[in-house]
Amino acid sequence: MRTLYEKVETTAPRSHAWEVLKDFGGVAKWAPGMRSSRLEGPQSSGVGTHRVMRHAWGFRIHETITEWNEGTGYSFVLTRAPFPMHEVTEVWVLEPENNHAVITTAVSYRMKLGIIGALLDAVLVRFLVAREMRAGLIGFKNYVEQHLPDTPAKPSPPLAEPAAEKAVSGWGPR
């Protein structure tokens, strides 16, 4: 079994990163390789929640949560993975660091097709999986940083008296 790891640091607080990550059906909002994602079934969070995604390359991925740690992350299994991969599991963990979130992900998988699968993994699959992991983390980072919750507004400074209008290069009142 091969396991790959990736990590990214954000400027977003962990609580905000968790609000985005816990939306298991909303992954297409931030994962650049996903054309669509949706929950399937009555559950929206926790162990047993199932989602279906359509990858930009056209294939479908089915995933089911196997472990849920409120506020810090989850694990899931791909119940339908791209061939010739199988026994694919993924873990997403949020860790606090200096008032912001660090996100770590790990993907573990096996290959079908014996020696041919091992060769495919050595020359192609592991690089594609690592690239997709990095793209997903960067998409997540960008999304959480661009969609930060509103912070309390600072009071505006008092308005100054209006200045007299001036005509500039033919523009303005004459």
C-alpha atoms as a PDB file:
ATOM      1  CA  MET A   1       0.000   0.000   0.000  1.00  0.00           C
ATOM      2  CA  ARG A   2       1.290   3.464  -0.890  1.00  0.00           C
ATOM      3  CA  THR A   3       0.609   6.503   1.318  1.00  0.00           C
ATOM      4  CA  LEU A   4       1.207  10.078   0.169  1.00  0.00           C
ATOM      5  CA  TYR A   5       1.141  13.170   2.402  1.00  0.00           C
ATOM      6  CA  GLU A   6       0.633  16.863   1.677  1.00  0.00           C
ATOM      7  CA  LYS A   7       0.287  19.884   3.960  1.00  0.00           C
ATOM      8  CA  VAL A   8      -0.622  23.567   3.557  1.00  0.00           C
ATOM      9  CA  GLU A   9      -0.777  26.492   5.966  1.00  0.00           C
ATOM     10  CA  THR A  10      -3.552  29.084   5.704  1.00  0.00           C
ATOM     11  CA  THR A  11      -4.149  32.508   7.179  1.00  0.00           C
ATOM     12  CA  ALA A  12      -7.703  31.464   8.071  1.00  0.00           C
ATOM     13  CA  PRO A  13      -8.656  30.540  11.632  1.00  0.00           C
ATOM     14  CA  ARG A  14      -9.150  26.825  12.213  1.00  0.00           C
ATOM     15  CA  SER A  15     -12.824  27.337  13.081  1.00  0.00           C
ATOM     16  CA  HIS A  16     -13.476  28.883   9.664  1.00  0.00           C
ATOM     17  CA  ALA A  17     -11.450  26.195   7.863  1.00  0.00           C
ATOM     18  CA  TRP A  18     -13.553  23.574   9.667  1.00  0.00           C
ATOM     19  CA  GLU A  19     -16.809  25.239   8.552  1.00  0.00           C
ATOM     20  CA  VAL A  20     -15.665  24.805   4.936  1.00  0.00           C
ATOM     21  CA  LEU A  21     -14.183  21.320   5.365  1.00  0.00           C
ATOM     22  CA  LYS A  22     -17.200  19.887   7.202  1.00  0.00           C
ATOM     23  CA  ASP A  23     -19.386  20.676   4.169  1.00  0.00           C
ATOM     24  CA  PHE A  24     -18.571  17.226   2.769  1.00  0.00           C
ATOM     25  CA  GLY A  25     -20.861  17.681  -0.227  1.00  0.00           C
ATOM     26  CA  GLY A  26     -19.436  21.110  -1.096  1.00  0.00           C
ATOM     27  CA  VAL A  27     -15.946  20.051  -2.179  1.00  0.00           C
ATOM     28  CA  ALA A  28     -16.509  21.241  -5.771  1.00  0.00           C
ATOM     29  CA  LYS A  29     -16.596  24.826  -4.441  1.00  0.00           C
ATOM     30  CA  TRP A  30     -12.862  24.684  -3.751  1.00  0.00           C
ATOM     31  CA  ALA A  31     -11.309  21.571  -5.346  1.00  0.00           C
ATOM     32  CA  PRO A  32     -10.198  22.610  -8.844  1.00  0.00           C
ATOM     33  CA  GLY A  33     -10.415  19.086 -10.283  1.00  0.00           C
ATOM     34  CA  MET A  34     -14.051  18.559  -9.311  1.00  0.00           C
ATOM     35  CA  ARG A  35     -16.808  19.605 -11.718  1.00  0.00           C
ATOM     36  CA  SER A  36     -19.547  18.708  -9.267  1.00  0.00           C
ATOM     37  CA  SER A  37     -20.089  17.216  -5.831  1.00  0.00           C
ATOM     38  CA  ARG A  38     -23.185  16.313  -3.872  1.00  0.00           C
ATOM     39  CA  LEU A  39     -24.243  14.374  -0.846  1.00  0.00           C
ATOM     40  CA  GLU A  40     -26.134  11.168  -1.441  1.00  0.00           C
ATOM     41  CA  GLY A  41     -28.476   9.964   1.253  1.00  0.00           C
ATOM     42  CA  PRO A  42     -30.062  11.630   4.289  1.00  0.00           C
ATOM     43  CA  GLN A  43     -26.870  12.279   6.254  1.00  0.00           C
ATOM     44  CA  SER A  44     -24.952  15.569   5.958  1.00  0.00           C
ATOM     45  CA  SER A  45     -22.115  14.956   8.433  1.00  0.00           C
ATOM     46  CA  GLY A  46     -20.488  12.283  10.537  1.00  0.00           C
ATOM     47  CA  VAL A  47     -19.611   8.649   9.973  1.00  0.00           C
ATOM     48  CA  GLY A  48     -21.583   7.167   7.085  1.00  0.00           C
ATOM     49  CA  THR A  49     -22.021  10.416   5.129  1.00  0.00           C
ATOM     50  CA  HIS A  50     -21.650   9.675   1.415  1.00  0.00           C
ATOM     51  CA  ARG A  51     -20.775  11.991  -1.470  1.00  0.00           C
ATOM     52  CA  VAL A  52     -20.520  11.598  -5.227  1.00  0.00           C
ATOM     53  CA  MET A  53     -18.190  13.753  -7.299  1.00  0.00           C
ATOM     54  CA  ARG A  54     -17.568  14.182 -11.001  1.00  0.00           C
ATOM     55  CA  HIS A  55     -13.906  14.802 -11.806  1.00  0.00           C
ATOM     56  CA  ALA A  56     -12.864  17.196 -14.584  1.00  0.00           C
ATOM     57  CA  TRP A  57     -11.514  14.158 -16.469  1.00  0.00           C
ATOM     58  CA  GLY A  58     -15.041  12.705 -16.552  1.00  0.00           C
ATOM     59  CA  PHE A  59     -14.942   9.865 -14.023  1.00  0.00           C
ATOM     60  CA  ARG A  60     -17.067   9.638 -10.869  1.00  0.00           C
ATOM     61  CA  ILE A  61     -15.739   9.201  -7.364  1.00  0.00           C
ATOM     62  CA  HIS A  62     -17.861   7.888  -4.477  1.00  0.00           C
ATOM     63  CA  GLU A  63     -16.665   8.509  -0.915  1.00  0.00           C
ATOM     64  CA  THR A  64     -18.011   7.567   2.512  1.00  0.00           C
ATOM     65  CA  ILE A  65     -16.829   9.010   5.840  1.00  0.00           C
ATOM     66  CA  THR A  66     -15.386   6.346   8.154  1.00  0.00           C
ATOM     67  CA  GLU A  67     -14.178   8.587  11.018  1.00  0.00           C
ATOM     68  CA  TRP A  68     -15.386  12.047  12.092  1.00  0.00           C
ATOM     69  CA  ASN A  69     -13.604  14.246  14.633  1.00  0.00           C
ATOM     70  CA  GLU A  70     -15.714  17.376  15.095  1.00  0.00           C
ATOM     71  CA  GLY A  71     -13.671  20.504  14.542  1.00  0.00           C
ATOM     72  CA  THR A  72     -10.465  18.734  13.524  1.00  0.00           C
ATOM     73  CA  GLY A  73     -11.051  16.459  10.547  1.00  0.00           C
ATOM     74  CA  TYR A  74     -12.231  13.171   9.123  1.00  0.00           C
ATOM     75  CA  SER A  75     -11.284  10.043   7.189  1.00  0.00           C
ATOM     76  CA  PHE A  76     -13.121   8.509   4.280  1.00  0.00           C
ATOM     77  CA  VAL A  77     -12.934   5.578   1.913  1.00  0.00           C
ATOM     78  CA  LEU A  78     -13.417   5.769  -1.831  1.00  0.00           C
ATOM     79  CA  THR A  79     -16.158   3.249  -2.467  1.00  0.00           C
ATOM     80  CA  ARG A  80     -15.702   3.850  -6.190  1.00  0.00           C
ATOM     81  CA  ALA A  81     -12.156   4.821  -7.177  1.00  0.00           C
ATOM     82  CA  PRO A  82     -10.516   5.392 -10.564  1.00  0.00           C
ATOM     83  CA  PHE A  83      -9.257   2.129 -12.069  1.00  0.00           C
ATOM     84  CA  PRO A  84      -6.750   0.524 -11.423  1.00  0.00           C
ATOM     85  CA  MET A  85      -6.651   2.002  -7.906  1.00  0.00           C
ATOM     86  CA  HIS A  86      -8.489   0.271  -5.079  1.00  0.00           C
ATOM     87  CA  GLU A  87      -8.676   0.285  -1.274  1.00  0.00           C
ATOM     88  CA  VAL A  88      -8.286   4.064  -1.377  1.00  0.00           C
ATOM     89  CA  THR A  89      -8.574   5.973   1.910  1.00  0.00           C
ATOM     90  CA  GLU A  90      -8.039   9.632   2.635  1.00  0.00           C
ATOM     91  CA  VAL A  91      -7.590  11.658   5.833  1.00  0.00           C
ATOM     92  CA  TRP A  92      -7.987  15.440   6.291  1.00  0.00           C
ATOM     93  CA  VAL A  93      -6.762  17.015   9.550  1.00  0.00           C
ATOM     94  CA  LEU A  94      -6.879  20.644  10.712  1.00  0.00           C
ATOM     95  CA  GLU A  95      -4.306  21.755  13.236  1.00  0.00           C
ATOM     96  CA  PRO A  96      -4.074  25.176  14.866  1.00  0.00           C
ATOM     97  CA  GLU A  97      -0.880  27.157  14.481  1.00  0.00           C
ATOM     98  CA  ASN A  98      -0.461  30.818  15.442  1.00  0.00           C
ATOM     99  CA  ASN A  99      -4.226  31.500  15.297  1.00  0.00           C
ATOM    100  CA  HIS A 100      -4.678  29.932  11.869  1.00  0.00           C
ATOM    101  CA  ALA A 101      -5.168  26.487  10.337  1.00  0.00           C
ATOM    102  CA  VAL A 102      -2.671  24.021   8.955  1.00  0.00           C
ATOM    103  CA  ILE A 103      -4.302  21.333   6.821  1.00  0.00           C
ATOM    104  CA  THR A 104      -2.695  17.932   6.346  1.00  0.00           C
ATOM    105  CA  THR A 105      -4.017  15.225   4.076  1.00  0.00           C
ATOM    106  CA  ALA A 106      -2.922  11.653   3.501  1.00  0.00           C
ATOM    107  CA  VAL A 107      -4.031   9.302   0.723  1.00  0.00           C
ATOM    108  CA  SER A 108      -3.401   5.562   0.922  1.00  0.00           C
ATOM    109  CA  TYR A 109      -4.144   3.156  -1.907  1.00  0.00           C
ATOM    110  CA  ARG A 110      -3.354  -0.149  -3.585  1.00  0.00           C
ATOM    111  CA  MET A 111      -3.141  -0.933  -7.262  1.00  0.00           C
ATOM    112  CA  LYS A 112      -4.889  -3.711  -9.180  1.00  0.00           C
ATOM    113  CA  LEU A 113      -3.227  -5.533 -12.122  1.00  0.00           C
ATOM    114  CA  GLY A 114      -0.258  -6.981 -10.229  1.00  0.00           C
ATOM    115  CA  ILE A 115       3.114  -6.038 -11.689  1.00  0.00           C
ATOM    116  CA  ILE A 116       1.489  -3.882 -14.385  1.00  0.00           C
ATOM    117  CA  GLY A 117      -0.348  -1.908 -11.683  1.00  0.00           C
ATOM    118  CA  ALA A 118       2.886  -1.515  -9.723  1.00  0.00           C
ATOM    119  CA  LEU A 119       4.632  -0.176 -12.826  1.00  0.00           C
ATOM    120  CA  LEU A 120       1.743   2.194 -13.576  1.00  0.00           C
ATOM    121  CA  ASP A 121       1.954   3.461 -10.018  1.00  0.00           C
ATOM    122  CA  ALA A 122       5.718   3.944 -10.168  1.00  0.00           C
ATOM    123  CA  VAL A 123       5.708   5.912 -13.420  1.00  0.00           C
ATOM    124  CA  LEU A 124       2.338   7.700 -13.369  1.00  0.00           C
ATOM    125  CA  VAL A 125      -0.352   7.156 -10.728  1.00  0.00           C
ATOM    126  CA  ARG A 126       1.560   8.322  -7.658  1.00  0.00           C
ATOM    127  CA  PHE A 127       2.500  11.557  -9.447  1.00  0.00           C
ATOM    128  CA  LEU A 128      -1.111  12.163 -10.518  1.00  0.00           C
ATOM    129  CA  VAL A 129      -2.383  11.491  -6.995  1.00  0.00           C
ATOM    130  CA  ALA A 130       0.221  13.846  -5.473  1.00  0.00           C
ATOM    131  CA  ARG A 131      -0.667  16.538  -8.022  1.00  0.00           C
ATOM    132  CA  GLU A 132      -4.394  16.204  -7.245  1.00  0.00           C
ATOM    133  CA  MET A 133      -3.657  16.364  -3.502  1.00  0.00           C
ATOM    134  CA  ARG A 134      -1.602  19.558  -3.894  1.00  0.00           C
ATOM    135  CA  ALA A 135      -4.223  21.136  -6.171  1.00  0.00           C
ATOM    136  CA  GLY A 136      -6.969  20.281  -3.675  1.00  0.00           C
ATOM    137  CA  LEU A 137      -5.048  21.750  -0.747  1.00  0.00           C
ATOM    138  CA  ILE A 138      -4.191  24.915  -2.655  1.00  0.00           C
ATOM    139  CA  GLY A 139      -7.833  25.237  -3.755  1.00  0.00           C
ATOM    140  CA  PHE A 140      -8.952  24.773  -0.142  1.00  0.00           C
ATOM    141  CA  LYS A 141      -6.417  27.326   1.123  1.00  0.00           C
ATOM    142  CA  ASN A 142      -7.443  29.899  -1.490  1.00  0.00           C
ATOM    143  CA  TYR A 143     -11.144  29.345  -0.820  1.00  0.00           C
ATOM    144  CA  VAL A 144     -10.963  29.673   2.980  1.00  0.00           C
ATOM    145  CA  GLU A 145      -8.733  32.737   2.736  1.00  0.00           C
ATOM    146  CA  GLN A 146     -10.986  34.448   0.162  1.00  0.00           C
ATOM    147  CA  HIS A 147     -14.199  33.623   2.055  1.00  0.00           C
ATOM    148  CA  LEU A 148     -13.287  34.643   5.584  1.00  0.00           C
ATOM    149  CA  PRO A 149     -16.245  35.422   7.835  1.00  0.00           C
ATOM    150  CA  ASP A 150     -17.012  39.079   8.310  1.00  0.00           C
ATOM    151  CA  THR A 151     -15.054  40.683  11.077  1.00  0.00           C
ATOM    152  CA  PRO A 152     -16.575  43.477  13.125  1.00  0.00           C
ATOM    153  CA  ALA A 153     -16.286  46.699  11.191  1.00  0.00           C
ATOM    154  CA  LYS A 154     -14.094  49.428  12.631  1.00  0.00           C
ATOM    155  CA  PRO A 155     -15.857  52.742  13.101  1.00  0.00           C
ATOM    156  CA  SER A 156     -15.338  55.068  10.160  1.00  0.00           C
ATOM    157  CA  PRO A 157     -13.412  58.256  10.805  1.00  0.00           C
ATOM    158  CA  PRO A 158     -15.535  61.405  10.828  1.00  0.00           C
ATOM    159  CA  LEU A 159     -16.173  62.888   7.413  1.00  0.00           C
ATOM    160  CA  ALA A 160     -14.238  66.007   6.518  1.00  0.00           C
ATOM    161  CA  GLU A 161     -15.933  69.078   5.175  1.00  0.00           C
ATOM    162  CA  PRO A 162     -16.514  68.730   1.395  1.00  0.00           C
ATOM    163  CA  ALA A 163     -13.746  70.267  -0.688  1.00  0.00           C
ATOM    164  CA  ALA A 164     -14.562  72.744  -3.424  1.00  0.00           C
ATOM    165  CA  GLU A 165     -14.865  71.066  -6.818  1.00  0.00           C
ATOM    166  CA  LYS A 166     -12.139  71.766  -9.311  1.00  0.00           C
ATOM    167  CA  ALA A 167     -12.174  71.407 -13.055  1.00  0.00           C
ATOM    168  CA  VAL A 168      -9.337  69.164 -14.221  1.00  0.00           C
ATOM    169  CA  SER A 169      -8.308  69.160 -17.870  1.00  0.00           C
ATOM    170  CA  GLY A 170     -11.753  70.024 -19.095  1.00  0.00           C
ATOM    171  CA  TRP A 171     -13.560  67.552 -16.800  1.00  0.00           C
ATOM    172  CA  GLY A 172     -16.091  68.640 -14.239  1.00  0.00           C
ATOM    173  CA  PRO A 173     -18.324  71.702 -13.913  1.00  0.00           C
ATOM    174  CA  ARG A 174     -17.633  74.719 -16.108  1.00  0.00           C
END
